[in-house]
């Protein structure tokens, strides 16, 4: 891959990859670090990647880089139920509440929901990005939606 082709690819995909990582990390500086690391990996392995699968490779690499980043960083504080309740009751914006609820899901469940319901990817693409079979994606999506429904119902009672 030549520098010109790489720059075009970055322009075409960087906003979507950034948005995907940001929805998980919620920190712009950390998100930029993960996205930058993803594109560095792309640059170093560009010649070995099938051009038809480069977008899926980008999402897969961004996801794995993000998970590695989370593991290294580990939460520096513990979110208590009081914090969640206060955040939800003080925030009139439904989008903020949904993001709080999504944060309670496991990283895989959260990623499946974000890729399917927010980004609009199909099951096969999600499976390729997250290294899951198509049936696993469907099962995880179902379970994630059920868990999200339970979380919303629990918090609506409060």
N, C-alpha and C. Protein backbone atom coordinates (compact mmCIF):
# COMPACT_ATOMS: atom_id res chain seq x y z
N UNK A 1 0.86 -1.17 0.00
CA UNK A 1 0.00 0.00 0.00
C UNK A 1 0.90 1.23 0.00
N UNK A 2 0.60 2.13 -0.88
CA UNK A 2 1.38 3.35 -0.99
C UNK A 2 0.83 4.40 -0.03
N UNK A 3 1.63 5.40 0.22
CA UNK A 3 1.27 6.46 1.17
C UNK A 3 -0.03 7.17 0.75
N UNK A 4 -0.18 7.40 -0.53
CA UNK A 4 -1.38 8.08 -1.03
C UNK A 4 -2.63 7.24 -0.76
N UNK A 5 -2.56 5.94 -1.04
CA UNK A 5 -3.68 5.04 -0.79
C UNK A 5 -4.01 4.97 0.69
N UNK A 6 -2.96 4.93 1.51
CA UNK A 6 -3.15 4.88 2.96
C UNK A 6 -3.86 6.13 3.44
N UNK A 7 -3.45 7.30 2.96
CA UNK A 7 -4.08 8.56 3.37
C UNK A 7 -5.54 8.62 2.97
N UNK A 8 -5.85 8.12 1.78
CA UNK A 8 -7.25 8.09 1.33
C UNK A 8 -8.07 7.17 2.24
N UNK A 9 -7.52 6.01 2.56
CA UNK A 9 -8.22 5.08 3.45
C UNK A 9 -8.45 5.69 4.83
N UNK A 10 -7.46 6.38 5.36
CA UNK A 10 -7.60 7.02 6.66
C UNK A 10 -8.72 8.05 6.61
N UNK A 11 -8.76 8.85 5.57
CA UNK A 11 -9.82 9.87 5.44
C UNK A 11 -11.20 9.23 5.35
N UNK A 12 -11.30 8.09 4.69
CA UNK A 12 -12.59 7.43 4.50
C UNK A 12 -13.07 6.72 5.76
N UNK A 13 -12.16 6.24 6.59
CA UNK A 13 -12.58 5.36 7.70
C UNK A 13 -12.33 5.91 9.09
N UNK A 14 -11.51 6.91 9.24
CA UNK A 14 -11.08 7.33 10.58
C UNK A 14 -12.22 7.82 11.46
N UNK A 15 -13.18 8.54 10.90
CA UNK A 15 -14.29 9.02 11.72
C UNK A 15 -15.14 7.88 12.27
N UNK A 16 -15.39 6.87 11.44
CA UNK A 16 -16.20 5.73 11.89
C UNK A 16 -15.45 4.92 12.95
N UNK A 17 -14.17 4.69 12.74
CA UNK A 17 -13.38 3.94 13.73
C UNK A 17 -13.29 4.73 15.02
N UNK A 18 -13.08 6.03 14.91
CA UNK A 18 -13.02 6.89 16.10
C UNK A 18 -14.33 6.83 16.87
N UNK A 19 -15.44 6.93 16.16
CA UNK A 19 -16.76 6.90 16.80
C UNK A 19 -16.99 5.57 17.52
N UNK A 20 -16.60 4.46 16.87
CA UNK A 20 -16.75 3.14 17.46
C UNK A 20 -15.95 3.02 18.76
N UNK A 21 -14.71 3.44 18.74
CA UNK A 21 -13.86 3.34 19.93
C UNK A 21 -14.34 4.32 21.01
N UNK A 22 -14.72 5.52 20.61
CA UNK A 22 -15.15 6.53 21.58
C UNK A 22 -16.40 6.09 22.34
N UNK A 23 -17.31 5.42 21.67
CA UNK A 23 -18.53 4.96 22.34
C UNK A 23 -18.21 3.96 23.44
N UNK A 24 -17.07 3.31 23.35
CA UNK A 24 -16.66 2.38 24.39
C UNK A 24 -15.81 3.04 25.46
N UNK A 25 -14.89 3.91 25.08
CA UNK A 25 -13.95 4.47 26.04
C UNK A 25 -14.43 5.75 26.72
N UNK A 26 -15.24 6.53 26.03
CA UNK A 26 -15.79 7.78 26.57
C UNK A 26 -14.72 8.82 26.92
N UNK A 27 -13.56 8.73 26.32
CA UNK A 27 -12.49 9.67 26.59
C UNK A 27 -11.79 9.94 25.27
N UNK A 28 -11.82 11.21 24.85
CA UNK A 28 -11.30 11.54 23.53
C UNK A 28 -9.80 11.29 23.40
N UNK A 29 -9.05 11.61 24.42
CA UNK A 29 -7.60 11.41 24.36
C UNK A 29 -7.26 9.92 24.25
N UNK A 30 -7.91 9.09 25.06
CA UNK A 30 -7.68 7.65 25.00
C UNK A 30 -8.13 7.08 23.65
N UNK A 31 -9.26 7.59 23.16
CA UNK A 31 -9.77 7.15 21.88
C UNK A 31 -8.78 7.46 20.76
N UNK A 32 -8.24 8.66 20.77
CA UNK A 32 -7.26 9.04 19.74
C UNK A 32 -6.02 8.16 19.81
N UNK A 33 -5.60 7.81 21.03
CA UNK A 33 -4.45 6.92 21.18
C UNK A 33 -4.72 5.55 20.56
N UNK A 34 -5.89 5.01 20.84
CA UNK A 34 -6.24 3.68 20.32
C UNK A 34 -6.38 3.72 18.80
N UNK A 35 -7.03 4.75 18.29
CA UNK A 35 -7.21 4.86 16.84
C UNK A 35 -5.86 5.04 16.15
N UNK A 36 -5.01 5.86 16.73
CA UNK A 36 -3.69 6.06 16.14
C UNK A 36 -2.89 4.76 16.13
N UNK A 37 -2.94 4.03 17.23
CA UNK A 37 -2.24 2.75 17.30
C UNK A 37 -2.80 1.78 16.25
N UNK A 38 -4.09 1.82 16.03
CA UNK A 38 -4.72 0.97 15.02
C UNK A 38 -4.18 1.28 13.63
N UNK A 39 -4.09 2.56 13.30
CA UNK A 39 -3.59 2.93 11.98
C UNK A 39 -2.09 2.69 11.84
N UNK A 40 -1.35 2.76 12.93
CA UNK A 40 0.07 2.40 12.89
C UNK A 40 0.20 0.92 12.55
N UNK A 41 -0.63 0.09 13.18
CA UNK A 41 -0.61 -1.35 12.88
C UNK A 41 -0.99 -1.60 11.43
N UNK A 42 -1.97 -0.83 10.93
CA UNK A 42 -2.36 -0.97 9.53
C UNK A 42 -1.19 -0.64 8.61
N UNK A 43 -0.49 0.44 8.89
CA UNK A 43 0.63 0.85 8.05
C UNK A 43 1.73 -0.21 8.01
N UNK A 44 1.99 -0.82 9.18
CA UNK A 44 3.07 -1.81 9.23
C UNK A 44 2.68 -3.14 8.58
N UNK A 45 1.38 -3.44 8.53
CA UNK A 45 0.94 -4.73 7.97
C UNK A 45 0.14 -4.57 6.69
N UNK A 46 0.17 -3.40 6.10
CA UNK A 46 -0.67 -3.11 4.93
C UNK A 46 -0.47 -4.08 3.78
N UNK A 47 0.74 -4.52 3.58
CA UNK A 47 1.01 -5.41 2.44
C UNK A 47 0.46 -6.82 2.63
N UNK A 48 0.17 -7.20 3.86
CA UNK A 48 -0.31 -8.56 4.13
C UNK A 48 -1.83 -8.64 4.24
N UNK A 49 -2.51 -7.51 4.16
CA UNK A 49 -3.97 -7.47 4.35
C UNK A 49 -4.67 -7.46 3.00
N UNK A 50 -5.70 -8.29 2.90
CA UNK A 50 -6.53 -8.34 1.69
C UNK A 50 -7.26 -7.01 1.55
N UNK A 51 -7.10 -6.29 0.44
CA UNK A 51 -7.74 -4.99 0.27
C UNK A 51 -9.27 -5.02 0.41
N UNK A 52 -9.88 -6.15 0.09
CA UNK A 52 -11.34 -6.25 0.21
C UNK A 52 -11.80 -6.36 1.66
N UNK A 53 -10.91 -6.74 2.54
CA UNK A 53 -11.27 -6.94 3.95
C UNK A 53 -10.61 -5.94 4.87
N UNK A 54 -10.12 -4.85 4.32
CA UNK A 54 -9.33 -3.91 5.11
C UNK A 54 -10.18 -3.18 6.18
N UNK A 55 -11.43 -2.88 5.87
CA UNK A 55 -12.29 -2.19 6.85
C UNK A 55 -12.60 -3.12 8.02
N UNK A 56 -12.90 -4.36 7.73
CA UNK A 56 -13.14 -5.33 8.80
C UNK A 56 -11.88 -5.51 9.63
N UNK A 57 -10.73 -5.54 8.97
CA UNK A 57 -9.46 -5.66 9.69
C UNK A 57 -9.26 -4.46 10.60
N UNK A 58 -9.61 -3.26 10.11
CA UNK A 58 -9.46 -2.05 10.93
C UNK A 58 -10.32 -2.12 12.19
N UNK A 59 -11.58 -2.51 12.04
CA UNK A 59 -12.46 -2.60 13.20
C UNK A 59 -12.00 -3.69 14.17
N UNK A 60 -11.58 -4.80 13.64
CA UNK A 60 -11.09 -5.88 14.50
C UNK A 60 -9.86 -5.42 15.27
N UNK A 61 -8.95 -4.78 14.59
CA UNK A 61 -7.72 -4.30 15.23
C UNK A 61 -8.04 -3.20 16.23
N UNK A 62 -8.94 -2.30 15.88
CA UNK A 62 -9.33 -1.23 16.81
C UNK A 62 -9.97 -1.83 18.06
N UNK A 63 -10.82 -2.82 17.87
CA UNK A 63 -11.47 -3.47 19.00
C UNK A 63 -10.44 -4.15 19.91
N UNK A 64 -9.53 -4.90 19.32
CA UNK A 64 -8.52 -5.60 20.12
C UNK A 64 -7.55 -4.62 20.79
N UNK A 65 -7.19 -3.56 20.09
CA UNK A 65 -6.32 -2.54 20.67
C UNK A 65 -7.02 -1.86 21.84
N UNK A 66 -8.32 -1.60 21.67
CA UNK A 66 -9.11 -0.98 22.74
C UNK A 66 -9.18 -1.91 23.96
N UNK A 67 -9.41 -3.18 23.75
CA UNK A 67 -9.46 -4.14 24.86
C UNK A 67 -8.12 -4.19 25.56
N UNK A 68 -7.02 -4.22 24.80
CA UNK A 68 -5.68 -4.20 25.41
C UNK A 68 -5.48 -2.93 26.22
N UNK A 69 -5.93 -1.82 25.69
CA UNK A 69 -5.81 -0.54 26.38
C UNK A 69 -6.59 -0.56 27.69
N UNK A 70 -7.80 -1.09 27.65
CA UNK A 70 -8.64 -1.16 28.86
C UNK A 70 -7.98 -2.06 29.90
N UNK A 71 -7.44 -3.18 29.46
CA UNK A 71 -6.79 -4.11 30.39
C UNK A 71 -5.58 -3.46 31.05
N UNK A 72 -4.81 -2.71 30.28
CA UNK A 72 -3.64 -2.04 30.84
C UNK A 72 -4.03 -0.94 31.81
N UNK A 73 -5.06 -0.22 31.45
CA UNK A 73 -5.45 0.93 32.25
C UNK A 73 -6.26 0.54 33.48
N UNK A 74 -7.11 -0.46 33.36
CA UNK A 74 -8.02 -0.91 34.42
C UNK A 74 -8.72 0.30 35.04
N UNK A 75 -9.92 0.13 35.50
CA UNK A 75 -10.64 1.27 36.09
C UNK A 75 -9.89 1.85 37.28
N UNK A 76 -9.78 3.17 37.27
CA UNK A 76 -9.08 3.86 38.35
C UNK A 76 -10.03 4.24 39.47
N UNK A 77 -11.31 4.07 39.23
CA UNK A 77 -12.30 4.30 40.27
C UNK A 77 -13.44 3.33 40.05
N UNK A 78 -14.19 3.11 41.10
CA UNK A 78 -15.29 2.17 41.03
C UNK A 78 -16.60 2.94 40.90
N UNK A 79 -17.36 2.64 39.88
CA UNK A 79 -18.65 3.31 39.70
C UNK A 79 -19.65 2.62 40.60
N UNK A 80 -20.19 3.35 41.53
CA UNK A 80 -21.17 2.78 42.45
C UNK A 80 -22.57 2.98 41.91
N UNK A 81 -23.51 2.28 42.50
CA UNK A 81 -24.90 2.44 42.10
C UNK A 81 -25.38 3.86 42.35
N UNK A 82 -24.89 4.48 43.42
CA UNK A 82 -25.28 5.86 43.71
C UNK A 82 -24.88 6.79 42.57
N UNK A 83 -23.68 6.59 42.04
CA UNK A 83 -23.22 7.41 40.94
C UNK A 83 -24.12 7.23 39.72
N UNK A 84 -24.46 5.99 39.41
CA UNK A 84 -25.31 5.72 38.25
C UNK A 84 -26.69 6.31 38.46
N UNK A 85 -27.27 6.11 39.65
CA UNK A 85 -28.59 6.65 39.93
C UNK A 85 -28.59 8.16 39.83
N UNK A 86 -27.58 8.81 40.40
CA UNK A 86 -27.49 10.26 40.37
C UNK A 86 -27.34 10.75 38.94
N UNK A 87 -26.49 10.09 38.16
CA UNK A 87 -26.27 10.49 36.78
C UNK A 87 -27.55 10.36 35.96
N UNK A 88 -28.27 9.28 36.17
CA UNK A 88 -29.48 9.03 35.40
C UNK A 88 -30.57 10.01 35.79
N UNK A 89 -30.76 10.25 37.08
CA UNK A 89 -31.85 11.13 37.50
C UNK A 89 -31.55 12.60 37.22
N UNK A 90 -30.28 12.97 37.16
CA UNK A 90 -29.94 14.36 36.88
C UNK A 90 -29.82 14.66 35.39
N UNK A 91 -29.86 13.64 34.56
CA UNK A 91 -29.67 13.83 33.13
C UNK A 91 -30.99 13.68 32.39
N UNK A 92 -31.51 14.77 31.84
CA UNK A 92 -32.77 14.67 31.12
C UNK A 92 -32.61 14.08 29.72
N UNK A 93 -31.39 13.98 29.25
CA UNK A 93 -31.15 13.53 27.90
C UNK A 93 -31.20 12.01 27.81
N UNK A 94 -32.08 11.49 27.01
CA UNK A 94 -32.24 10.05 26.86
C UNK A 94 -30.97 9.39 26.32
N UNK A 95 -30.28 10.07 25.42
CA UNK A 95 -29.06 9.51 24.85
C UNK A 95 -28.02 9.27 25.94
N UNK A 96 -27.88 10.21 26.85
CA UNK A 96 -26.94 10.04 27.96
C UNK A 96 -27.32 8.84 28.82
N UNK A 97 -28.61 8.67 29.04
CA UNK A 97 -29.06 7.54 29.85
C UNK A 97 -28.76 6.22 29.14
N UNK A 98 -29.00 6.17 27.86
CA UNK A 98 -28.73 4.95 27.11
C UNK A 98 -27.24 4.61 27.17
N UNK A 99 -26.38 5.63 27.04
CA UNK A 99 -24.94 5.38 27.12
C UNK A 99 -24.53 4.88 28.50
N UNK A 100 -25.17 5.39 29.54
CA UNK A 100 -24.90 4.88 30.88
C UNK A 100 -25.31 3.42 31.00
N UNK A 101 -26.45 3.09 30.43
CA UNK A 101 -26.92 1.72 30.47
C UNK A 101 -26.00 0.81 29.66
N UNK A 102 -25.55 1.29 28.51
CA UNK A 102 -24.63 0.50 27.68
C UNK A 102 -23.32 0.23 28.41
N UNK A 103 -22.89 1.18 29.23
CA UNK A 103 -21.64 1.01 29.97
C UNK A 103 -21.71 -0.14 30.97
N UNK A 104 -22.91 -0.54 31.34
CA UNK A 104 -23.07 -1.65 32.28
C UNK A 104 -22.92 -3.01 31.60
N UNK A 105 -22.94 -3.03 30.28
CA UNK A 105 -22.80 -4.28 29.55
C UNK A 105 -21.33 -4.68 29.43
N UNK A 106 -21.10 -5.96 29.18
CA UNK A 106 -19.73 -6.42 28.94
C UNK A 106 -19.24 -5.81 27.63
N UNK A 107 -17.93 -5.72 27.44
CA UNK A 107 -17.40 -5.11 26.21
C UNK A 107 -17.90 -5.78 24.93
N UNK A 108 -18.04 -7.09 24.94
CA UNK A 108 -18.51 -7.79 23.73
C UNK A 108 -19.96 -7.43 23.45
N UNK A 109 -20.81 -7.48 24.46
CA UNK A 109 -22.22 -7.13 24.28
C UNK A 109 -22.36 -5.69 23.81
N UNK A 110 -21.62 -4.80 24.43
CA UNK A 110 -21.68 -3.39 24.06
C UNK A 110 -21.23 -3.19 22.62
N UNK A 111 -20.16 -3.85 22.22
CA UNK A 111 -19.66 -3.71 20.86
C UNK A 111 -20.65 -4.25 19.84
N UNK A 112 -21.28 -5.39 20.15
CA UNK A 112 -22.25 -5.97 19.22
C UNK A 112 -23.43 -5.01 19.03
N UNK A 113 -23.93 -4.45 20.11
CA UNK A 113 -25.05 -3.50 20.00
C UNK A 113 -24.63 -2.26 19.22
N UNK A 114 -23.46 -1.72 19.53
CA UNK A 114 -23.00 -0.51 18.84
C UNK A 114 -22.83 -0.77 17.34
N UNK A 115 -22.21 -1.88 17.00
CA UNK A 115 -21.98 -2.16 15.59
C UNK A 115 -23.27 -2.44 14.82
N UNK A 116 -24.21 -3.13 15.45
CA UNK A 116 -25.45 -3.49 14.76
C UNK A 116 -26.45 -2.33 14.77
N UNK A 117 -26.77 -1.81 15.95
CA UNK A 117 -27.85 -0.85 16.08
C UNK A 117 -27.43 0.60 15.83
N UNK A 118 -26.18 0.92 16.10
CA UNK A 118 -25.74 2.30 15.91
C UNK A 118 -25.04 2.46 14.56
N UNK A 119 -24.08 1.59 14.27
CA UNK A 119 -23.30 1.70 13.04
C UNK A 119 -23.99 1.04 11.84
N UNK A 120 -24.89 0.09 12.08
CA UNK A 120 -25.66 -0.52 11.00
C UNK A 120 -24.98 -1.64 10.26
N UNK A 121 -23.99 -2.28 10.86
CA UNK A 121 -23.32 -3.40 10.19
C UNK A 121 -24.19 -4.65 10.24
N UNK A 122 -24.03 -5.53 9.25
CA UNK A 122 -24.79 -6.77 9.26
C UNK A 122 -24.06 -7.82 10.11
N UNK A 123 -24.72 -8.96 10.33
CA UNK A 123 -24.18 -9.99 11.22
C UNK A 123 -22.82 -10.50 10.75
N UNK A 124 -22.69 -10.70 9.46
CA UNK A 124 -21.43 -11.22 8.92
C UNK A 124 -20.28 -10.24 9.17
N UNK A 125 -20.54 -8.96 8.93
CA UNK A 125 -19.50 -7.95 9.15
C UNK A 125 -19.11 -7.85 10.62
N UNK A 126 -20.10 -7.90 11.48
CA UNK A 126 -19.83 -7.85 12.92
C UNK A 126 -19.01 -9.07 13.34
N UNK A 127 -19.37 -10.22 12.83
CA UNK A 127 -18.62 -11.44 13.12
C UNK A 127 -17.18 -11.32 12.68
N UNK A 128 -16.98 -10.75 11.52
CA UNK A 128 -15.63 -10.56 11.00
C UNK A 128 -14.85 -9.58 11.88
N UNK A 129 -15.48 -8.51 12.31
CA UNK A 129 -14.81 -7.50 13.14
C UNK A 129 -14.45 -8.06 14.50
N UNK A 130 -15.38 -8.79 15.12
CA UNK A 130 -15.17 -9.27 16.49
C UNK A 130 -14.67 -10.71 16.56
N UNK A 131 -14.37 -11.30 15.43
CA UNK A 131 -13.91 -12.70 15.36
C UNK A 131 -14.92 -13.67 15.98
N UNK A 132 -16.16 -13.52 15.57
CA UNK A 132 -17.25 -14.38 16.03
C UNK A 132 -17.94 -14.97 14.81
N UNK A 133 -18.62 -16.10 15.02
CA UNK A 133 -19.42 -16.64 13.93
C UNK A 133 -20.71 -15.82 13.83
N UNK A 134 -21.38 -15.96 12.71
CA UNK A 134 -22.62 -15.22 12.51
C UNK A 134 -23.67 -15.60 13.56
N UNK A 135 -23.73 -16.88 13.90
CA UNK A 135 -24.70 -17.33 14.91
C UNK A 135 -24.33 -16.79 16.29
N UNK A 136 -23.03 -16.71 16.58
CA UNK A 136 -22.62 -16.13 17.87
C UNK A 136 -23.03 -14.66 17.95
N UNK A 137 -22.89 -13.94 16.84
CA UNK A 137 -23.29 -12.53 16.82
C UNK A 137 -24.77 -12.41 17.12
N UNK A 138 -25.59 -13.26 16.52
CA UNK A 138 -27.03 -13.21 16.76
C UNK A 138 -27.36 -13.51 18.21
N UNK A 139 -26.70 -14.51 18.77
CA UNK A 139 -26.94 -14.87 20.17
C UNK A 139 -26.50 -13.74 21.09
N UNK A 140 -25.30 -13.20 20.86
CA UNK A 140 -24.79 -12.11 21.69
C UNK A 140 -25.68 -10.87 21.59
N UNK A 141 -26.16 -10.59 20.38
CA UNK A 141 -27.04 -9.44 20.20
C UNK A 141 -28.34 -9.64 20.97
N UNK A 142 -28.90 -10.84 20.89
CA UNK A 142 -30.12 -11.13 21.63
C UNK A 142 -29.90 -10.98 23.13
N UNK A 143 -28.82 -11.58 23.63
CA UNK A 143 -28.52 -11.52 25.06
C UNK A 143 -28.22 -10.09 25.51
N UNK A 144 -27.51 -9.35 24.67
CA UNK A 144 -27.18 -7.97 25.01
C UNK A 144 -28.44 -7.12 25.08
N UNK A 145 -29.35 -7.32 24.16
CA UNK A 145 -30.61 -6.56 24.18
C UNK A 145 -31.45 -6.94 25.40
N UNK A 146 -31.47 -8.23 25.73
CA UNK A 146 -32.21 -8.67 26.92
C UNK A 146 -31.62 -8.03 28.19
N UNK A 147 -30.29 -8.07 28.29
CA UNK A 147 -29.61 -7.48 29.45
C UNK A 147 -29.86 -5.98 29.51
N UNK A 148 -29.79 -5.31 28.36
CA UNK A 148 -30.04 -3.87 28.30
C UNK A 148 -31.48 -3.56 28.72
N UNK A 149 -32.41 -4.38 28.29
CA UNK A 149 -33.82 -4.21 28.67
C UNK A 149 -33.97 -4.33 30.19
N UNK A 150 -33.31 -5.32 30.78
CA UNK A 150 -33.36 -5.52 32.23
C UNK A 150 -32.76 -4.32 32.96
N UNK A 151 -31.65 -3.82 32.47
CA UNK A 151 -30.99 -2.66 33.09
C UNK A 151 -31.90 -1.44 33.02
N UNK A 152 -32.51 -1.22 31.86
CA UNK A 152 -33.40 -0.06 31.71
C UNK A 152 -34.60 -0.19 32.63
N UNK A 153 -35.21 -1.38 32.68
CA UNK A 153 -36.37 -1.58 33.56
C UNK A 153 -36.00 -1.37 35.01
N UNK A 154 -34.84 -1.85 35.42
CA UNK A 154 -34.38 -1.70 36.80
C UNK A 154 -34.20 -0.22 37.14
N UNK A 155 -33.63 0.53 36.22
CA UNK A 155 -33.37 1.95 36.48
C UNK A 155 -34.60 2.82 36.34
N UNK A 156 -35.58 2.38 35.56
CA UNK A 156 -36.80 3.14 35.43
C UNK A 156 -37.63 3.10 36.71
N UNK A 157 -37.49 2.02 37.47
CA UNK A 157 -38.22 1.89 38.74
C UNK A 157 -37.67 2.87 39.75
N UNK A 158 -36.36 3.14 39.68
CA UNK A 158 -35.73 4.04 40.63
C UNK A 158 -36.29 5.38 40.45
